Amino acid sequence: MTAIDFEGGDPVAIDGIRLSPAALLTQLNELGRANGIGRLDLVENRFVGMKNRGVYETPGGTSCSRRIAASRPSRWIAKRRT
C-alpha cells in the first residue's frame, strides 16, 4: 500500500517523501501503471449525433482523485459529530 500525503488539498508526498508536483505525478503514474490503475474506456455521445470512443490512461490522476474521494466522507462525519 502506498500513502499519499496532502496539504491544503494538494498531494505533496508519497510514503512520507516530499516531491515536486511533476515528480509526484510521475511516481504515481509508475506505481499505478504497474498495478493496472487508471485506464478509462469511454463512449461519448456528441451533440451532432456521433459517438466517440476514447481510451485514456491516467494512473497518477486516478490514484489522487480516488484518495481524495475516499477521505471526504470521513472528514464530513468527523466535523458533523463535533
Protein backbone atom coordinates (compact mmCIF):
# COMPACT_ATOMS: atom_id res chain seq x y z
CA MET A 1 0.00 0.00 0.00
CA THR A 2 1.21 3.49 -0.82
CA ALA A 3 0.40 6.53 1.31
CA ILE A 4 -0.22 9.90 -0.36
CA ASP A 5 0.17 12.91 1.92
CA PHE A 6 -1.92 16.04 1.28
CA GLU A 7 -1.57 19.65 2.44
CA GLY A 8 -4.39 22.06 1.75
CA GLY A 9 -5.99 19.54 -0.60
CA ASP A 10 -2.85 19.15 -2.75
CA PRO A 11 -0.75 15.98 -2.87
CA VAL A 12 2.77 16.71 -1.57
CA ALA A 13 4.40 13.39 -0.65
CA ILE A 14 4.37 9.65 -1.31
CA ASP A 15 5.18 7.42 1.66
CA GLY A 16 6.43 10.45 3.59
CA ILE A 17 8.89 11.56 0.87
CA ARG A 18 8.14 15.11 -0.31
CA LEU A 19 8.22 15.52 -4.08
CA SER A 20 7.61 18.31 -6.57
CA PRO A 21 4.20 18.09 -8.29
CA ALA A 22 5.75 16.76 -11.51
CA ALA A 23 7.87 14.15 -9.69
CA LEU A 24 4.90 13.11 -7.56
CA LEU A 25 2.67 12.56 -10.61
CA THR A 26 5.46 10.69 -12.40
CA GLN A 27 5.91 8.38 -9.40
CA LEU A 28 2.15 7.79 -9.12
CA ASN A 29 1.99 7.07 -12.86
CA GLU A 30 4.69 4.40 -12.50
CA LEU A 31 3.03 2.82 -9.45
CA GLY A 32 -0.44 2.91 -10.99
CA ARG A 33 0.70 1.56 -14.35
CA ALA A 34 2.39 -1.39 -12.65
CA ASN A 35 -0.85 -2.20 -10.79
CA GLY A 36 -3.38 -1.64 -13.56
CA ILE A 37 -4.88 1.56 -12.16
CA GLY A 38 -6.28 4.38 -14.25
CA ARG A 39 -7.33 3.01 -17.63
CA LEU A 40 -10.61 4.56 -18.75
CA ASP A 41 -12.59 3.42 -21.78
CA LEU A 42 -15.33 5.93 -22.59
CA VAL A 43 -18.04 6.16 -25.23
CA GLU A 44 -19.34 9.69 -25.60
CA ASN A 45 -22.45 10.89 -27.39
CA ARG A 46 -21.69 14.04 -29.34
CA PHE A 47 -24.22 16.82 -29.82
CA VAL A 48 -24.27 16.26 -33.60
CA GLY A 49 -25.36 12.62 -33.22
CA MET A 50 -21.96 10.93 -33.48
CA LYS A 51 -20.48 8.59 -30.94
CA ASN A 52 -16.84 8.89 -29.98
CA ARG A 53 -14.79 6.26 -28.18
CA GLY A 54 -11.67 7.16 -26.27
CA VAL A 55 -9.22 5.20 -24.17
CA TYR A 56 -7.35 7.30 -21.63
CA GLU A 57 -4.60 6.24 -19.27
CA THR A 58 -4.38 8.36 -16.12
CA PRO A 59 -2.89 6.22 -13.35
CA GLY A 60 -1.49 9.13 -11.32
CA GLY A 61 -4.61 11.25 -11.61
CA THR A 62 -6.87 8.33 -10.77
CA SER A 63 -4.80 7.48 -7.69
CA CYS A 64 -5.05 11.06 -6.39
CA SER A 65 -8.73 11.53 -7.15
CA ARG A 66 -9.73 8.22 -5.55
CA ARG A 67 -7.70 9.01 -2.44
CA ILE A 68 -9.34 12.43 -2.15
CA ALA A 69 -12.82 10.95 -2.67
CA ALA A 70 -12.18 8.23 -0.09
CA SER A 71 -11.13 10.77 2.54
CA ARG A 72 -14.03 13.21 2.14
CA PRO A 73 -16.86 11.29 3.82
CA SER A 74 -14.79 10.56 6.91
CA ARG A 75 -13.88 14.23 7.27
CA TRP A 76 -17.51 15.22 6.88
CA ILE A 77 -18.64 12.75 9.55
CA ALA A 78 -15.85 13.85 11.90
CA LYS A 79 -16.85 17.50 11.54
CA ARG A 80 -20.50 16.69 11.96
CA ARG A 81 -20.01 14.79 15.23
CA THR A 82 -18.03 17.57 16.94
